[in-house]
Amino acid sequence: MKNRAAGIFLALLAALVPAAVSGGIVDRVDERKFSVPPHARITVRNTDGRIMIYGSEEAAVHVSALKRAFTEERADAIKVNVELNGDAVVIDTIYPPKSDESLLADRSGTVDYTILVPQFCTMESVELENGEVIIEEVSGGGIKARVERGKLTLVNSYASADLHLGDGLLDLLYAWCEDHGPFRVQAELGKGELRLGLPETAAVGVEAEAPNGRIDNAFAAEGAEGESELKTLRTTIGDKTATEKVQFSLRAANGGINLYKAN
């Protein structure tokens, strides 16, 4: 796990860090690493860009923030603020006031985070207005994440989660392992698509609602009537005696829900 997470971190860092000034875009990289308790409580806040979080076996947080802007002054003015208080870690992104000169100037700052965290930490809050959030292999005390517009992805994170996406793609993917649980995942989408990928061996309970879309269920019994027109779904997948351990509650207010076989 540790070597895999470190490899992902280095590969992403190499891909995200071009020359300091390229094609009129100015990049600045802010890197920090510090020890934390294995069950630390972590908050990450950003406005525009990406937040990519990967669980690691190391009792440490390693933050790489790629700041990108159209001018050196604005890139330097974007600040990454890290606060440590006991087992609580807050990583906050401070943007300079927006310019009134033009729409382009107003949008001339983004931050892409690549963060390694202890695998069994609690993601107390992950907040992003525009862009993408990825949380992978974090299975501690729980996960709360909210994205206004963009993409929210949860991969192999066997922990209770509370996920909200305003507009875009909300993607949940699990390579199932029978000894995980109990946990409950609540995922709510305003507009777009919500996907849940599970292997055929999964044993879970699912409640889903798509009042203005439809629910596609690849786990439905062959020949089941009305599956293509589902608006609500309450079902168990796999061993019914095990489904109390893991529950998914999914809602897409305006859009579809897709339950698919991931292997």
C-alpha atoms as a PDB file:
ATOM      1  CA  MET A   1       0.000   0.000   0.000  1.00  0.00           C
ATOM      2  CA  LYS A   2       2.698   2.483   1.007  1.00  0.00           C
ATOM      3  CA  ASN A   3       4.824   1.914  -2.092  1.00  0.00           C
ATOM      4  CA  ARG A   4       1.770   2.050  -4.357  1.00  0.00           C
ATOM      5  CA  ALA A   5       0.565   5.317  -2.844  1.00  0.00           C
ATOM      6  CA  ALA A   6       4.044   6.836  -3.089  1.00  0.00           C
ATOM      7  CA  GLY A   7       4.290   5.734  -6.715  1.00  0.00           C
ATOM      8  CA  ILE A   8       0.942   7.334  -7.540  1.00  0.00           C
ATOM      9  CA  PHE A   9       2.023  10.521  -5.792  1.00  0.00           C
ATOM     10  CA  LEU A  10       5.308  10.795  -7.714  1.00  0.00           C
ATOM     11  CA  ALA A  11       3.709   9.965 -11.066  1.00  0.00           C
ATOM     12  CA  LEU A  12       0.989  12.574 -10.599  1.00  0.00           C
ATOM     13  CA  LEU A  13       3.483  15.134  -9.405  1.00  0.00           C
ATOM     14  CA  ALA A  14       5.649  14.613 -12.489  1.00  0.00           C
ATOM     15  CA  ALA A  15       2.608  14.962 -14.750  1.00  0.00           C
ATOM     16  CA  LEU A  16       1.367  18.096 -13.024  1.00  0.00           C
ATOM     17  CA  VAL A  17       4.630  20.041 -12.840  1.00  0.00           C
ATOM     18  CA  PRO A  18       5.741  21.430 -16.219  1.00  0.00           C
ATOM     19  CA  ALA A  19       8.168  24.291 -16.709  1.00  0.00           C
ATOM     20  CA  ALA A  20       7.671  27.280 -14.411  1.00  0.00           C
ATOM     21  CA  VAL A  21       6.289  29.380 -17.263  1.00  0.00           C
ATOM     22  CA  SER A  22       4.832  27.627 -20.319  1.00  0.00           C
ATOM     23  CA  GLY A  23       2.561  29.026 -22.998  1.00  0.00           C
ATOM     24  CA  GLY A  24       1.598  32.044 -20.910  1.00  0.00           C
ATOM     25  CA  ILE A  25       0.703  29.939 -17.848  1.00  0.00           C
ATOM     26  CA  VAL A  26       2.674  30.428 -14.641  1.00  0.00           C
ATOM     27  CA  ASP A  27       3.058  27.483 -12.255  1.00  0.00           C
ATOM     28  CA  ARG A  28       4.152  27.426  -8.643  1.00  0.00           C
ATOM     29  CA  VAL A  29       4.560  24.245  -6.558  1.00  0.00           C
ATOM     30  CA  ASP A  30       4.107  24.251  -2.797  1.00  0.00           C
ATOM     31  CA  GLU A  31       5.170  20.999  -1.074  1.00  0.00           C
ATOM     32  CA  ARG A  32       4.898  20.101   2.597  1.00  0.00           C
ATOM     33  CA  LYS A  33       5.159  16.932   4.653  1.00  0.00           C
ATOM     34  CA  PHE A  34       4.432  16.499   8.348  1.00  0.00           C
ATOM     35  CA  SER A  35       3.702  13.705  10.813  1.00  0.00           C
ATOM     36  CA  VAL A  36       0.167  13.186  12.101  1.00  0.00           C
ATOM     37  CA  PRO A  37      -1.629  10.568  14.220  1.00  0.00           C
ATOM     38  CA  PRO A  38      -2.800   7.533  12.183  1.00  0.00           C
ATOM     39  CA  HIS A  39      -6.435   8.480  12.857  1.00  0.00           C
ATOM     40  CA  ALA A  40      -6.036  12.189  12.114  1.00  0.00           C
ATOM     41  CA  ARG A  41      -9.034  14.334  11.148  1.00  0.00           C
ATOM     42  CA  ILE A  42      -8.371  16.146   7.883  1.00  0.00           C
ATOM     43  CA  THR A  43     -10.119  19.035   6.134  1.00  0.00           C
ATOM     44  CA  VAL A  44      -9.252  20.284   2.630  1.00  0.00           C
ATOM     45  CA  ARG A  45     -10.831  23.348   1.009  1.00  0.00           C
ATOM     46  CA  ASN A  46     -10.309  24.692  -2.511  1.00  0.00           C
ATOM     47  CA  THR A  47     -12.185  26.823  -5.029  1.00  0.00           C
ATOM     48  CA  ASP A  48     -10.990  25.920  -8.550  1.00  0.00           C
ATOM     49  CA  GLY A  49      -8.862  22.935  -9.559  1.00  0.00           C
ATOM     50  CA  ARG A  50      -8.452  19.409  -8.232  1.00  0.00           C
ATOM     51  CA  ILE A  51      -8.132  17.653  -4.889  1.00  0.00           C
ATOM     52  CA  MET A  52      -6.619  14.169  -5.241  1.00  0.00           C
ATOM     53  CA  ILE A  53      -6.327  12.259  -1.960  1.00  0.00           C
ATOM     54  CA  TYR A  54      -4.677   8.842  -1.576  1.00  0.00           C
ATOM     55  CA  GLY A  55      -4.466   6.660   1.516  1.00  0.00           C
ATOM     56  CA  SER A  56      -1.033   5.547   2.674  1.00  0.00           C
ATOM     57  CA  GLU A  57       0.359   3.348   5.461  1.00  0.00           C
ATOM     58  CA  GLU A  58       2.564   6.216   6.644  1.00  0.00           C
ATOM     59  CA  ALA A  59       1.461   8.320   9.649  1.00  0.00           C
ATOM     60  CA  ALA A  60       2.057  11.527   7.758  1.00  0.00           C
ATOM     61  CA  VAL A  61       0.420  13.991   5.395  1.00  0.00           C
ATOM     62  CA  HIS A  62       2.308  14.875   2.217  1.00  0.00           C
ATOM     63  CA  VAL A  63       0.826  17.825   0.328  1.00  0.00           C
ATOM     64  CA  SER A  64       1.808  18.944  -3.154  1.00  0.00           C
ATOM     65  CA  ALA A  65      -0.108  21.991  -4.397  1.00  0.00           C
ATOM     66  CA  LEU A  66       0.317  23.076  -8.015  1.00  0.00           C
ATOM     67  CA  LYS A  67      -0.764  26.713  -8.281  1.00  0.00           C
ATOM     68  CA  ARG A  68      -1.483  27.914 -11.804  1.00  0.00           C
ATOM     69  CA  ALA A  69      -2.285  31.428 -13.022  1.00  0.00           C
ATOM     70  CA  PHE A  70      -1.837  33.783 -15.971  1.00  0.00           C
ATOM     71  CA  THR A  71       0.621  36.077 -14.192  1.00  0.00           C
ATOM     72  CA  GLU A  72       3.488  35.533 -11.755  1.00  0.00           C
ATOM     73  CA  GLU A  73       1.964  38.022  -9.331  1.00  0.00           C
ATOM     74  CA  ARG A  74      -1.332  36.163  -9.143  1.00  0.00           C
ATOM     75  CA  ALA A  75       0.359  32.739  -8.868  1.00  0.00           C
ATOM     76  CA  ASP A  76       2.461  34.021  -5.977  1.00  0.00           C
ATOM     77  CA  ALA A  77      -0.603  35.570  -4.345  1.00  0.00           C
ATOM     78  CA  ILE A  78      -2.429  32.226  -4.079  1.00  0.00           C
ATOM     79  CA  LYS A  79      -1.619  30.786  -0.657  1.00  0.00           C
ATOM     80  CA  VAL A  80      -1.845  27.281   0.761  1.00  0.00           C
ATOM     81  CA  ASN A  81      -2.563  27.567   4.472  1.00  0.00           C
ATOM     82  CA  VAL A  82      -1.991  24.501   6.695  1.00  0.00           C
ATOM     83  CA  GLU A  83      -3.112  24.449  10.331  1.00  0.00           C
ATOM     84  CA  LEU A  84      -2.269  21.638  12.779  1.00  0.00           C
ATOM     85  CA  ASN A  85      -4.123  21.339  16.064  1.00  0.00           C
ATOM     86  CA  GLY A  86      -3.650  18.020  17.833  1.00  0.00           C
ATOM     87  CA  ASP A  87      -5.087  15.365  15.531  1.00  0.00           C
ATOM     88  CA  ALA A  88      -6.866  17.966  13.343  1.00  0.00           C
ATOM     89  CA  VAL A  89      -5.371  19.132  10.041  1.00  0.00           C
ATOM     90  CA  VAL A  90      -6.891  21.930   7.933  1.00  0.00           C
ATOM     91  CA  ILE A  91      -5.544  22.600   4.435  1.00  0.00           C
ATOM     92  CA  ASP A  92      -7.092  25.774   3.072  1.00  0.00           C
ATOM     93  CA  THR A  93      -6.617  27.624  -0.216  1.00  0.00           C
ATOM     94  CA  ILE A  94      -6.524  31.416  -0.035  1.00  0.00           C
ATOM     95  CA  TYR A  95      -7.096  33.195  -3.343  1.00  0.00           C
ATOM     96  CA  PRO A  96      -6.420  36.905  -3.903  1.00  0.00           C
ATOM     97  CA  PRO A  97      -9.418  39.162  -4.511  1.00  0.00           C
ATOM     98  CA  LYS A  98     -10.780  38.861  -8.024  1.00  0.00           C
ATOM     99  CA  SER A  99      -9.871  41.592 -10.473  1.00  0.00           C
ATOM    100  CA  ASP A 100     -12.541  43.704 -12.135  1.00  0.00           C
ATOM    101  CA  GLU A 101     -10.482  44.051 -15.314  1.00  0.00           C
ATOM    102  CA  SER A 102     -11.932  41.081 -17.206  1.00  0.00           C
ATOM    103  CA  LEU A 103     -13.615  37.731 -16.845  1.00  0.00           C
ATOM    104  CA  LEU A 104     -10.306  36.063 -17.797  1.00  0.00           C
ATOM    105  CA  ALA A 105      -8.493  37.831 -14.983  1.00  0.00           C
ATOM    106  CA  ASP A 106     -11.184  36.817 -12.523  1.00  0.00           C
ATOM    107  CA  ARG A 107     -10.650  33.135 -13.361  1.00  0.00           C
ATOM    108  CA  SER A 108      -6.854  33.222 -13.552  1.00  0.00           C
ATOM    109  CA  GLY A 109      -6.042  31.064 -10.575  1.00  0.00           C
ATOM    110  CA  THR A 110      -6.395  27.321  -9.887  1.00  0.00           C
ATOM    111  CA  VAL A 111      -4.787  24.878  -7.463  1.00  0.00           C
ATOM    112  CA  ASP A 112      -4.339  21.147  -8.048  1.00  0.00           C
ATOM    113  CA  TYR A 113      -3.684  19.199  -4.849  1.00  0.00           C
ATOM    114  CA  THR A 114      -2.087  15.770  -4.609  1.00  0.00           C
ATOM    115  CA  ILE A 115      -2.252  14.636  -0.985  1.00  0.00           C
ATOM    116  CA  LEU A 116      -1.111  11.455   0.748  1.00  0.00           C
ATOM    117  CA  VAL A 117      -2.896  10.804   4.055  1.00  0.00           C
ATOM    118  CA  PRO A 118      -2.904   7.964   6.602  1.00  0.00           C
ATOM    119  CA  GLN A 119      -5.180   5.223   5.281  1.00  0.00           C
ATOM    120  CA  PHE A 120      -7.297   5.140   8.452  1.00  0.00           C
ATOM    121  CA  CYS A 121      -7.703   8.877   8.892  1.00  0.00           C
ATOM    122  CA  THR A 122     -11.044  10.669   8.856  1.00  0.00           C
ATOM    123  CA  MET A 123     -11.718  12.993   5.933  1.00  0.00           C
ATOM    124  CA  GLU A 124     -13.765  15.413   8.020  1.00  0.00           C
ATOM    125  CA  SER A 125     -14.491  17.733   5.098  1.00  0.00           C
ATOM    126  CA  VAL A 126     -13.359  17.992   1.473  1.00  0.00           C
ATOM    127  CA  GLU A 127     -14.819  21.039  -0.282  1.00  0.00           C
ATOM    128  CA  LEU A 128     -14.383  22.224  -3.874  1.00  0.00           C
ATOM    129  CA  GLU A 129     -16.434  24.656  -5.935  1.00  0.00           C
ATOM    130  CA  ASN A 130     -15.273  23.871  -9.490  1.00  0.00           C
ATOM    131  CA  GLY A 131     -13.204  20.900 -10.648  1.00  0.00           C
ATOM    132  CA  GLU A 132     -12.516  17.348  -9.531  1.00  0.00           C
ATOM    133  CA  VAL A 133     -12.178  15.478  -6.245  1.00  0.00           C
ATOM    134  CA  ILE A 134     -10.706  11.955  -6.068  1.00  0.00           C
ATOM    135  CA  ILE A 135     -10.495  10.028  -2.789  1.00  0.00           C
ATOM    136  CA  GLU A 136      -8.859   6.603  -2.986  1.00  0.00           C
ATOM    137  CA  GLU A 137      -8.133   3.940  -0.363  1.00  0.00           C
ATOM    138  CA  VAL A 138      -9.159   5.975   2.673  1.00  0.00           C
ATOM    139  CA  SER A 139     -11.009   3.662   5.065  1.00  0.00           C
ATOM    140  CA  GLY A 140     -10.964   5.317   8.458  1.00  0.00           C
ATOM    141  CA  GLY A 141     -13.558   7.137  10.534  1.00  0.00           C
ATOM    142  CA  GLY A 142     -15.579   8.521   7.636  1.00  0.00           C
ATOM    143  CA  ILE A 143     -15.553  10.751   4.571  1.00  0.00           C
ATOM    144  CA  LYS A 144     -17.477  13.954   3.871  1.00  0.00           C
ATOM    145  CA  ALA A 145     -17.033  15.592   0.481  1.00  0.00           C
ATOM    146  CA  ARG A 146     -18.877  18.273  -1.454  1.00  0.00           C
ATOM    147  CA  VAL A 147     -18.285  19.539  -5.006  1.00  0.00           C
ATOM    148  CA  GLU A 148     -20.473  22.223  -6.562  1.00  0.00           C
ATOM    149  CA  ARG A 149     -19.616  21.604 -10.236  1.00  0.00           C
ATOM    150  CA  GLY A 150     -17.389  18.936 -11.771  1.00  0.00           C
ATOM    151  CA  LYS A 151     -16.577  15.374 -10.751  1.00  0.00           C
ATOM    152  CA  LEU A 152     -16.486  13.535  -7.435  1.00  0.00           C
ATOM    153  CA  THR A 153     -14.894  10.064  -7.359  1.00  0.00           C
ATOM    154  CA  LEU A 154     -14.566   7.620  -4.472  1.00  0.00           C
ATOM    155  CA  VAL A 155     -12.393   4.529  -5.086  1.00  0.00           C
ATOM    156  CA  ASN A 156     -11.891   1.553  -2.760  1.00  0.00           C
ATOM    157  CA  SER A 157     -12.637   3.607   0.341  1.00  0.00           C
ATOM    158  CA  TYR A 158     -14.397   1.268   2.756  1.00  0.00           C
ATOM    159  CA  ALA A 159     -15.733   3.847   5.181  1.00  0.00           C
ATOM    160  CA  SER A 160     -19.039   5.554   5.820  1.00  0.00           C
ATOM    161  CA  ALA A 161     -19.316   8.510   3.462  1.00  0.00           C
ATOM    162  CA  ASP A 162     -21.541  11.541   2.947  1.00  0.00           C
ATOM    163  CA  LEU A 163     -21.090  12.818  -0.618  1.00  0.00           C
ATOM    164  CA  HIS A 164     -22.726  15.746  -2.426  1.00  0.00           C
ATOM    165  CA  LEU A 165     -22.262  16.920  -6.013  1.00  0.00           C
ATOM    166  CA  GLY A 166     -24.238  19.811  -7.434  1.00  0.00           C
ATOM    167  CA  ASP A 167     -23.669  19.290 -11.171  1.00  0.00           C
ATOM    168  CA  GLY A 168     -21.538  16.686 -12.947  1.00  0.00           C
ATOM    169  CA  LEU A 169     -20.458  13.056 -12.456  1.00  0.00           C
ATOM    170  CA  LEU A 170     -20.485  11.294  -9.094  1.00  0.00           C
ATOM    171  CA  ASP A 171     -18.579   8.009  -9.396  1.00  0.00           C
ATOM    172  CA  LEU A 172     -18.260   5.262  -6.747  1.00  0.00           C
ATOM    173  CA  LEU A 173     -16.043   2.253  -7.435  1.00  0.00           C
ATOM    174  CA  TYR A 174     -15.262  -0.727  -5.186  1.00  0.00           C
ATOM    175  CA  ALA A 175     -13.058  -3.776  -5.777  1.00  0.00           C
ATOM    176  CA  TRP A 176     -14.873  -5.700  -3.093  1.00  0.00           C
ATOM    177  CA  CYS A 177     -13.241  -7.406  -0.147  1.00  0.00           C
ATOM    178  CA  GLU A 178     -15.530  -9.447   2.113  1.00  0.00           C
ATOM    179  CA  ASP A 179     -13.961  -8.414   5.426  1.00  0.00           C
ATOM    180  CA  HIS A 180     -14.871  -4.728   5.021  1.00  0.00           C
ATOM    181  CA  GLY A 181     -17.756  -3.138   6.876  1.00  0.00           C
ATOM    182  CA  PRO A 182     -19.988  -2.162   8.372  1.00  0.00           C
ATOM    183  CA  PHE A 183     -20.389   1.203   6.674  1.00  0.00           C
ATOM    184  CA  ARG A 184     -23.012   3.301   4.912  1.00  0.00           C
ATOM    185  CA  VAL A 185     -22.524   5.534   1.882  1.00  0.00           C
ATOM    186  CA  GLN A 186     -24.948   8.365   1.181  1.00  0.00           C
ATOM    187  CA  ALA A 187     -24.461  10.018  -2.216  1.00  0.00           C
ATOM    188  CA  GLU A 188     -26.590  12.900  -3.477  1.00  0.00           C
ATOM    189  CA  LEU A 189     -26.434  14.451  -6.944  1.00  0.00           C
ATOM    190  CA  GLY A 190     -28.211  17.588  -8.097  1.00  0.00           C
ATOM    191  CA  LYS A 191     -27.795  17.234 -11.863  1.00  0.00           C
ATOM    192  CA  GLY A 192     -25.799  14.802 -13.987  1.00  0.00           C
ATOM    193  CA  GLU A 193     -24.965  11.109 -13.550  1.00  0.00           C
ATOM    194  CA  LEU A 194     -24.369   8.950 -10.486  1.00  0.00           C
ATOM    195  CA  ARG A 195     -22.550   5.629 -10.957  1.00  0.00           C
ATOM    196  CA  LEU A 196     -21.894   2.775  -8.539  1.00  0.00           C
ATOM    197  CA  GLY A 197     -19.484   0.068  -9.665  1.00  0.00           C
ATOM    198  CA  LEU A 198     -19.363  -3.223  -7.721  1.00  0.00           C
ATOM    199  CA  PRO A 199     -17.908  -6.636  -8.478  1.00  0.00           C
ATOM    200  CA  GLU A 200     -20.287  -9.548  -8.943  1.00  0.00           C
ATOM    201  CA  THR A 201     -19.286 -10.938  -5.530  1.00  0.00           C
ATOM    202  CA  ALA A 202     -20.501  -7.852  -3.639  1.00  0.00           C
ATOM    203  CA  ALA A 203     -23.058  -8.250  -0.835  1.00  0.00           C
ATOM    204  CA  VAL A 204     -24.753  -4.901  -0.219  1.00  0.00           C
ATOM    205  CA  GLY A 205     -28.066  -3.181   0.230  1.00  0.00           C
ATOM    206  CA  VAL A 206     -29.008  -0.377  -2.172  1.00  0.00           C
ATOM    207  CA  GLU A 207     -31.673   2.304  -2.006  1.00  0.00           C
ATOM    208  CA  ALA A 208     -31.770   4.589  -5.035  1.00  0.00           C
ATOM    209  CA  GLU A 209     -33.997   7.405  -6.273  1.00  0.00           C
ATOM    210  CA  ALA A 210     -33.944   9.251  -9.604  1.00  0.00           C
ATOM    211  CA  PRO A 211     -37.249  11.169  -9.840  1.00  0.00           C
ATOM    212  CA  ASN A 212     -36.303  12.969 -13.072  1.00  0.00           C
ATOM    213  CA  GLY A 213     -34.130  10.293 -14.632  1.00  0.00           C
ATOM    214  CA  ARG A 214     -33.885   6.527 -14.559  1.00  0.00           C
ATOM    215  CA  ILE A 215     -32.036   3.805 -12.704  1.00  0.00           C
ATOM    216  CA  ASP A 216     -30.100   1.178 -14.655  1.00  0.00           C
ATOM    217  CA  ASN A 217     -29.329  -1.930 -12.604  1.00  0.00           C
ATOM    218  CA  ALA A 218     -26.890  -4.455 -14.085  1.00  0.00           C
ATOM    219  CA  PHE A 219     -27.467  -6.690 -11.035  1.00  0.00           C
ATOM    220  CA  ALA A 220     -31.189  -7.144 -11.704  1.00  0.00           C
ATOM    221  CA  ALA A 221     -32.436 -10.666 -12.292  1.00  0.00           C
ATOM    222  CA  GLU A 222     -32.539 -11.532 -15.973  1.00  0.00           C
ATOM    223  CA  GLY A 223     -35.901 -10.700 -17.493  1.00  0.00           C
ATOM    224  CA  ALA A 224     -37.015  -8.505 -14.607  1.00  0.00           C
ATOM    225  CA  GLU A 225     -39.984  -6.376 -15.675  1.00  0.00           C
ATOM    226  CA  GLY A 226     -39.799  -2.611 -15.718  1.00  0.00           C
ATOM    227  CA  GLU A 227     -36.100  -2.372 -14.876  1.00  0.00           C
ATOM    228  CA  SER A 228     -35.427   0.085 -17.711  1.00  0.00           C
ATOM    229  CA  GLU A 229     -38.020   2.569 -16.369  1.00  0.00           C
ATOM    230  CA  LEU A 230     -37.074   2.500 -12.698  1.00  0.00           C
ATOM    231  CA  LYS A 231     -37.353   5.737 -10.734  1.00  0.00           C
ATOM    232  CA  THR A 232     -36.850   4.155  -7.323  1.00  0.00           C
ATOM    233  CA  LEU A 233     -35.027   1.018  -6.265  1.00  0.00           C
ATOM    234  CA  ARG A 234     -34.730  -0.874  -3.028  1.00  0.00           C
ATOM    235  CA  THR A 235     -32.751  -4.077  -3.409  1.00  0.00           C
ATOM    236  CA  THR A 236     -30.088  -6.372  -2.067  1.00  0.00           C
ATOM    237  CA  ILE A 237     -27.163  -7.567  -4.133  1.00  0.00           C
ATOM    238  CA  GLY A 238     -25.448 -10.852  -3.316  1.00  0.00           C
ATOM    239  CA  ASP A 239     -25.730 -12.625   0.040  1.00  0.00           C
ATOM    240  CA  LYS A 240     -28.818 -11.156   1.714  1.00  0.00           C
ATOM    241  CA  THR A 241     -27.558 -12.074   5.191  1.00  0.00           C
ATOM    242  CA  ALA A 242     -24.511  -9.836   4.701  1.00  0.00           C
ATOM    243  CA  THR A 243     -26.191  -6.735   3.288  1.00  0.00           C
ATOM    244  CA  GLU A 244     -26.803  -5.134   6.682  1.00  0.00           C
ATOM    245  CA  LYS A 245     -23.064  -4.547   6.913  1.00  0.00           C
ATOM    246  CA  VAL A 246     -22.849  -2.312   3.831  1.00  0.00           C
ATOM    247  CA  GLN A 247     -25.587   0.024   2.649  1.00  0.00           C
ATOM    248  CA  PHE A 248     -25.734   2.515  -0.219  1.00  0.00           C
ATOM    249  CA  SER A 249     -28.272   5.338  -0.326  1.00  0.00           C
ATOM    250  CA  LEU A 250     -28.201   7.098  -3.703  1.00  0.00           C
ATOM    251  CA  ARG A 251     -30.222  10.030  -5.008  1.00  0.00           C
ATOM    252  CA  ALA A 252     -30.025  11.917  -8.305  1.00  0.00           C
ATOM    253  CA  ALA A 253     -32.474  14.825  -8.297  1.00  0.00           C
ATOM    254  CA  ASN A 254     -32.028  15.505 -12.022  1.00  0.00           C
ATOM    255  CA  GLY A 255     -30.186  12.736 -13.789  1.00  0.00           C
ATOM    256  CA  GLY A 256     -29.645   8.997 -13.901  1.00  0.00           C
ATOM    257  CA  ILE A 257     -28.199   6.342 -11.615  1.00  0.00           C
ATOM    258  CA  ASN A 258     -26.186   3.441 -13.015  1.00  0.00           C
ATOM    259  CA  LEU A 259     -25.359   0.319 -10.995  1.00  0.00           C
ATOM    260  CA  TYR A 260     -22.762  -1.599 -12.999  1.00  0.00           C
ATOM    261  CA  LYS A 261     -20.509  -4.618 -12.663  1.00  0.00           C
ATOM    262  CA  ALA A 262     -16.975  -3.401 -12.203  1.00  0.00           C
ATOM    263  CA  ASN A 263     -15.106  -6.622 -13.054  1.00  0.00           C
END
